[in-house]
Amino acid sequence: MIDKIMRFHLTYGLDRVVLQMGFGGVPHAEHLAAIERLGTEVAPVVRREVERRAGAAA
């Protein structure tokens, strides 16, 4: 997920990501776990990397 988000950022210069979750049949608890993981594992890495690259380009 991190690589995919960063690839879009680097290729298209995107600085916002909108994610849609809602696969039929996936239990609510699994959705909540995925949302938590995005917030605790994915988002911080992406933010750091985007900021690092922006600082290096300045």
PDB file of N, CA and C in Angstrom:
ATOM      1  N   MET A   1       0.825  -1.178   0.000  1.00  0.00           N
ATOM      2  CA  MET A   1       0.000   0.000   0.000  1.00  0.00           C
ATOM      3  C   MET A   1       0.880   1.256   0.000  1.00  0.00           C
ATOM      4  N   ILE A   2       1.906   1.267   0.819  1.00  0.00           N
ATOM      5  CA  ILE A   2       2.802   2.426   0.880  1.00  0.00           C
ATOM      6  C   ILE A   2       3.456   2.654  -0.474  1.00  0.00           C
ATOM      7  N   ASP A   3       3.955   1.583  -1.068  1.00  0.00           N
ATOM      8  CA  ASP A   3       4.609   1.716  -2.372  1.00  0.00           C
ATOM      9  C   ASP A   3       3.649   2.245  -3.429  1.00  0.00           C
ATOM     10  N   LYS A   4       2.439   1.765  -3.409  1.00  0.00           N
ATOM     11  CA  LYS A   4       1.450   2.198  -4.400  1.00  0.00           C
ATOM     12  C   LYS A   4       1.119   3.680  -4.226  1.00  0.00           C
ATOM     13  N   ILE A   5       0.909   4.117  -2.999  1.00  0.00           N
ATOM     14  CA  ILE A   5       0.609   5.529  -2.739  1.00  0.00           C
ATOM     15  C   ILE A   5       1.786   6.397  -3.169  1.00  0.00           C
ATOM     16  N   MET A   6       3.002   5.978  -2.824  1.00  0.00           N
ATOM     17  CA  MET A   6       4.178   6.760  -3.190  1.00  0.00           C
ATOM     18  C   MET A   6       4.391   6.793  -4.699  1.00  0.00           C
ATOM     19  N   ARG A   7       4.094   5.704  -5.374  1.00  0.00           N
ATOM     20  CA  ARG A   7       4.230   5.671  -6.825  1.00  0.00           C
ATOM     21  C   ARG A   7       3.285   6.692  -7.473  1.00  0.00           C
ATOM     22  N   PHE A   8       2.041   6.768  -6.985  1.00  0.00           N
ATOM     23  CA  PHE A   8       1.108   7.758  -7.506  1.00  0.00           C
ATOM     24  C   PHE A   8       1.578   9.176  -7.190  1.00  0.00           C
ATOM     25  N   HIS A   9       2.119   9.361  -5.997  1.00  0.00           N
ATOM     26  CA  HIS A   9       2.630  10.685  -5.616  1.00  0.00           C
ATOM     27  C   HIS A   9       3.768  11.106  -6.542  1.00  0.00           C
ATOM     28  N   LEU A  10       4.709  10.215  -6.760  1.00  0.00           N
ATOM     29  CA  LEU A  10       5.869  10.543  -7.577  1.00  0.00           C
ATOM     30  C   LEU A  10       5.508  10.695  -9.053  1.00  0.00           C
ATOM     31  N   THR A  11       4.600   9.881  -9.532  1.00  0.00           N
ATOM     32  CA  THR A  11       4.229   9.914 -10.946  1.00  0.00           C
ATOM     33  C   THR A  11       3.339  11.096 -11.281  1.00  0.00           C
ATOM     34  N   TYR A  12       2.346  11.345 -10.441  1.00  0.00           N
ATOM     35  CA  TYR A  12       1.332  12.355 -10.753  1.00  0.00           C
ATOM     36  C   TYR A  12       1.383  13.587  -9.857  1.00  0.00           C
ATOM     37  N   GLY A  13       2.244  13.586  -8.855  1.00  0.00           N
ATOM     38  CA  GLY A  13       2.342  14.721  -7.953  1.00  0.00           C
ATOM     39  C   GLY A  13       1.166  14.850  -7.005  1.00  0.00           C
ATOM     40  N   LEU A  14       0.436  13.761  -6.805  1.00  0.00           N
ATOM     41  CA  LEU A  14      -0.733  13.803  -5.934  1.00  0.00           C
ATOM     42  C   LEU A  14      -0.311  13.984  -4.483  1.00  0.00           C
ATOM     43  N   ASP A  15      -1.062  14.788  -3.756  1.00  0.00           N
ATOM     44  CA  ASP A  15      -0.759  14.969  -2.341  1.00  0.00           C
ATOM     45  C   ASP A  15      -1.955  14.647  -1.449  1.00  0.00           C
ATOM     46  N   ARG A  16      -2.984  14.023  -2.022  1.00  0.00           N
ATOM     47  CA  ARG A  16      -4.144  13.574  -1.258  1.00  0.00           C
ATOM     48  C   ARG A  16      -4.501  12.167  -1.719  1.00  0.00           C
ATOM     49  N   VAL A  17      -4.966  11.367  -0.792  1.00  0.00           N
ATOM     50  CA  VAL A  17      -5.406  10.019  -1.116  1.00  0.00           C
ATOM     51  C   VAL A  17      -6.790   9.828  -0.516  1.00  0.00           C
ATOM     52  N   VAL A  18      -7.698   9.323  -1.313  1.00  0.00           N
ATOM     53  CA  VAL A  18      -9.036   8.980  -0.843  1.00  0.00           C
ATOM     54  C   VAL A  18      -9.183   7.477  -0.979  1.00  0.00           C
ATOM     55  N   LEU A  19      -9.463   6.831   0.112  1.00  0.00           N
ATOM     56  CA  LEU A  19      -9.613   5.378   0.099  1.00  0.00           C
ATOM     57  C   LEU A  19     -11.064   5.028   0.377  1.00  0.00           C
ATOM     58  N   GLN A  20     -11.557   4.042  -0.327  1.00  0.00           N
ATOM     59  CA  GLN A  20     -12.915   3.568  -0.105  1.00  0.00           C
ATOM     60  C   GLN A  20     -12.838   2.122   0.326  1.00  0.00           C
ATOM     61  N   MET A  21     -13.452   1.825   1.434  1.00  0.00           N
ATOM     62  CA  MET A  21     -13.475   0.455   1.940  1.00  0.00           C
ATOM     63  C   MET A  21     -14.933   0.062   2.102  1.00  0.00           C
ATOM     64  N   GLY A  22     -15.239  -1.131   1.749  1.00  0.00           N
ATOM     65  CA  GLY A  22     -16.598  -1.595   1.906  1.00  0.00           C
ATOM     66  C   GLY A  22     -16.838  -2.831   1.073  1.00  0.00           C
ATOM     67  N   PHE A  23     -16.001  -3.812   1.247  1.00  0.00           N
ATOM     68  CA  PHE A  23     -16.147  -5.041   0.495  1.00  0.00           C
ATOM     69  C   PHE A  23     -17.209  -5.902   1.161  1.00  0.00           C
ATOM     70  N   GLY A  24     -18.161  -6.333   0.396  1.00  0.00           N
ATOM     71  CA  GLY A  24     -19.234  -7.145   0.947  1.00  0.00           C
ATOM     72  C   GLY A  24     -18.710  -8.400   1.618  1.00  0.00           C
ATOM     73  N   GLY A  25     -19.274  -8.707   2.737  1.00  0.00           N
ATOM     74  CA  GLY A  25     -18.919  -9.929   3.436  1.00  0.00           C
ATOM     75  C   GLY A  25     -17.744  -9.816   4.385  1.00  0.00           C
ATOM     76  N   VAL A  26     -17.063  -8.682   4.407  1.00  0.00           N
ATOM     77  CA  VAL A  26     -15.947  -8.512   5.335  1.00  0.00           C
ATOM     78  C   VAL A  26     -16.520  -8.037   6.667  1.00  0.00           C
ATOM     79  N   PRO A  27     -16.214  -8.729   7.733  1.00  0.00           N
ATOM     80  CA  PRO A  27     -16.757  -8.342   9.038  1.00  0.00           C
ATOM     81  C   PRO A  27     -16.321  -6.931   9.453  1.00  0.00           C
ATOM     82  N   HIS A  28     -17.196  -6.271  10.179  1.00  0.00           N
ATOM     83  CA  HIS A  28     -16.953  -4.902  10.632  1.00  0.00           C
ATOM     84  C   HIS A  28     -15.626  -4.791  11.380  1.00  0.00           C
ATOM     85  N   ALA A  29     -15.329  -5.755  12.226  1.00  0.00           N
ATOM     86  CA  ALA A  29     -14.085  -5.721  13.010  1.00  0.00           C
ATOM     87  C   ALA A  29     -12.860  -5.697  12.101  1.00  0.00           C
ATOM     88  N   GLU A  30     -12.929  -6.389  10.968  1.00  0.00           N
ATOM     89  CA  GLU A  30     -11.804  -6.387  10.039  1.00  0.00           C
ATOM     90  C   GLU A  30     -11.654  -5.030   9.361  1.00  0.00           C
ATOM     91  N   HIS A  31     -12.764  -4.388   9.056  1.00  0.00           N
ATOM     92  CA  HIS A  31     -12.701  -3.028   8.498  1.00  0.00           C
ATOM     93  C   HIS A  31     -12.058  -2.077   9.501  1.00  0.00           C
ATOM     94  N   LEU A  32     -12.473  -2.173  10.745  1.00  0.00           N
ATOM     95  CA  LEU A  32     -11.902  -1.302  11.778  1.00  0.00           C
ATOM     96  C   LEU A  32     -10.409  -1.551  11.937  1.00  0.00           C
ATOM     97  N   ALA A  33     -10.001  -2.804  11.878  1.00  0.00           N
ATOM     98  CA  ALA A  33      -8.571  -3.127  12.000  1.00  0.00           C
ATOM     99  C   ALA A  33      -7.795  -2.554  10.812  1.00  0.00           C
ATOM    100  N   ALA A  34      -8.377  -2.630   9.615  1.00  0.00           N
ATOM    101  CA  ALA A  34      -7.709  -2.085   8.434  1.00  0.00           C
ATOM    102  C   ALA A  34      -7.581  -0.568   8.526  1.00  0.00           C
ATOM    103  N   ILE A  35      -8.618   0.092   9.006  1.00  0.00           N
ATOM    104  CA  ILE A  35      -8.574   1.548   9.170  1.00  0.00           C
ATOM    105  C   ILE A  35      -7.510   1.931  10.189  1.00  0.00           C
ATOM    106  N   GLU A  36      -7.465   1.204  11.281  1.00  0.00           N
ATOM    107  CA  GLU A  36      -6.444   1.476  12.302  1.00  0.00           C
ATOM    108  C   GLU A  36      -5.041   1.274  11.728  1.00  0.00           C
ATOM    109  N   ARG A  37      -4.869   0.231  10.965  1.00  0.00           N
ATOM    110  CA  ARG A  37      -3.551  -0.049  10.372  1.00  0.00           C
ATOM    111  C   ARG A  37      -3.138   1.048   9.394  1.00  0.00           C
ATOM    112  N   LEU A  38      -4.092   1.538   8.606  1.00  0.00           N
ATOM    113  CA  LEU A  38      -3.791   2.648   7.701  1.00  0.00           C
ATOM    114  C   LEU A  38      -3.309   3.868   8.483  1.00  0.00           C
ATOM    115  N   GLY A  39      -3.972   4.140   9.598  1.00  0.00           N
ATOM    116  CA  GLY A  39      -3.619   5.314  10.399  1.00  0.00           C
ATOM    117  C   GLY A  39      -2.341   5.178  11.190  1.00  0.00           C
ATOM    118  N   THR A  40      -2.000   3.959  11.582  1.00  0.00           N
ATOM    119  CA  THR A  40      -0.827   3.773  12.442  1.00  0.00           C
ATOM    120  C   THR A  40       0.415   3.297  11.707  1.00  0.00           C
ATOM    121  N   GLU A  41       0.233   2.614  10.574  1.00  0.00           N
ATOM    122  CA  GLU A  41       1.379   2.053   9.869  1.00  0.00           C
ATOM    123  C   GLU A  41       1.626   2.690   8.501  1.00  0.00           C
ATOM    124  N   VAL A  42       0.575   2.947   7.762  1.00  0.00           N
ATOM    125  CA  VAL A  42       0.735   3.437   6.392  1.00  0.00           C
ATOM    126  C   VAL A  42       0.883   4.955   6.361  1.00  0.00           C
ATOM    127  N   ALA A  43      -0.073   5.675   6.909  1.00  0.00           N
ATOM    128  CA  ALA A  43      -0.077   7.142   6.825  1.00  0.00           C
ATOM    129  C   ALA A  43       1.200   7.777   7.376  1.00  0.00           C
ATOM    130  N   PRO A  44       1.689   7.357   8.536  1.00  0.00           N
ATOM    131  CA  PRO A  44       2.910   7.999   9.045  1.00  0.00           C
ATOM    132  C   PRO A  44       4.116   7.828   8.118  1.00  0.00           C
ATOM    133  N   VAL A  45       4.250   6.663   7.517  1.00  0.00           N
ATOM    134  CA  VAL A  45       5.374   6.418   6.611  1.00  0.00           C
ATOM    135  C   VAL A  45       5.240   7.277   5.363  1.00  0.00           C
ATOM    136  N   VAL A  46       4.025   7.325   4.804  1.00  0.00           N
ATOM    137  CA  VAL A  46       3.799   8.127   3.600  1.00  0.00           C
ATOM    138  C   VAL A  46       4.056   9.601   3.896  1.00  0.00           C
ATOM    139  N   ARG A  47       3.539  10.107   5.015  1.00  0.00           N
ATOM    140  CA  ARG A  47       3.767  11.519   5.374  1.00  0.00           C
ATOM    141  C   ARG A  47       5.251  11.825   5.488  1.00  0.00           C
ATOM    142  N   ARG A  48       5.972  10.973   6.197  1.00  0.00           N
ATOM    143  CA  ARG A  48       7.414  11.182   6.382  1.00  0.00           C
ATOM    144  C   ARG A  48       8.140  11.203   5.045  1.00  0.00           C
ATOM    145  N   GLU A  49       7.802  10.247   4.190  1.00  0.00           N
ATOM    146  CA  GLU A  49       8.499  10.140   2.911  1.00  0.00           C
ATOM    147  C   GLU A  49       8.185  11.338   2.004  1.00  0.00           C
ATOM    148  N   VAL A  50       6.944  11.759   1.980  1.00  0.00           N
ATOM    149  CA  VAL A  50       6.560  12.918   1.165  1.00  0.00           C
ATOM    150  C   VAL A  50       7.271  14.171   1.683  1.00  0.00           C
ATOM    151  N   GLU A  51       7.294  14.362   2.998  1.00  0.00           N
ATOM    152  CA  GLU A  51       7.975  15.521   3.581  1.00  0.00           C
ATOM    153  C   GLU A  51       9.471  15.465   3.314  1.00  0.00           C
ATOM    154  N   ARG A  52      10.057  14.285   3.412  1.00  0.00           N
ATOM    155  CA  ARG A  52      11.495  14.128   3.161  1.00  0.00           C
ATOM    156  C   ARG A  52      11.822  14.494   1.723  1.00  0.00           C
ATOM    157  N   ARG A  53      11.031  14.011   0.809  1.00  0.00           N
ATOM    158  CA  ARG A  53      11.266  14.316  -0.612  1.00  0.00           C
ATOM    159  C   ARG A  53      11.039  15.781  -0.918  1.00  0.00           C
ATOM    160  N   ALA A  54      10.053  16.389  -0.284  1.00  0.00           N
ATOM    161  CA  ALA A  54       9.787  17.814  -0.496  1.00  0.00           C
ATOM    162  C   ALA A  54      10.946  18.653   0.027  1.00  0.00           C
ATOM    163  N   GLY A  55      11.505  18.251   1.170  1.00  0.00           N
ATOM    164  CA  GLY A  55      12.655  18.960   1.726  1.00  0.00           C
ATOM    165  C   GLY A  55      13.890  18.811   0.871  1.00  0.00           C
ATOM    166  N   ALA A  56      14.067  17.642   0.281  1.00  0.00           N
ATOM    167  CA  ALA A  56      15.228  17.398  -0.565  1.00  0.00           C
ATOM    168  C   ALA A  56      15.129  18.180  -1.880  1.00  0.00           C
ATOM    169  N   ALA A  57      13.900  18.439  -2.331  1.00  0.00           N
ATOM    170  CA  ALA A  57      13.706  19.145  -3.593  1.00  0.00           C
ATOM    171  C   ALA A  57      13.827  20.665  -3.414  1.00  0.00           C
ATOM    172  N   ALA A  58      13.712  21.118  -2.186  1.00  0.00           N
ATOM    173  CA  ALA A  58      13.751  22.575  -1.941  1.00  0.00           C
ATOM    174  C   ALA A  58      15.143  23.133  -1.987  1.00  0.00           C
TER     175      ALA A  58
END
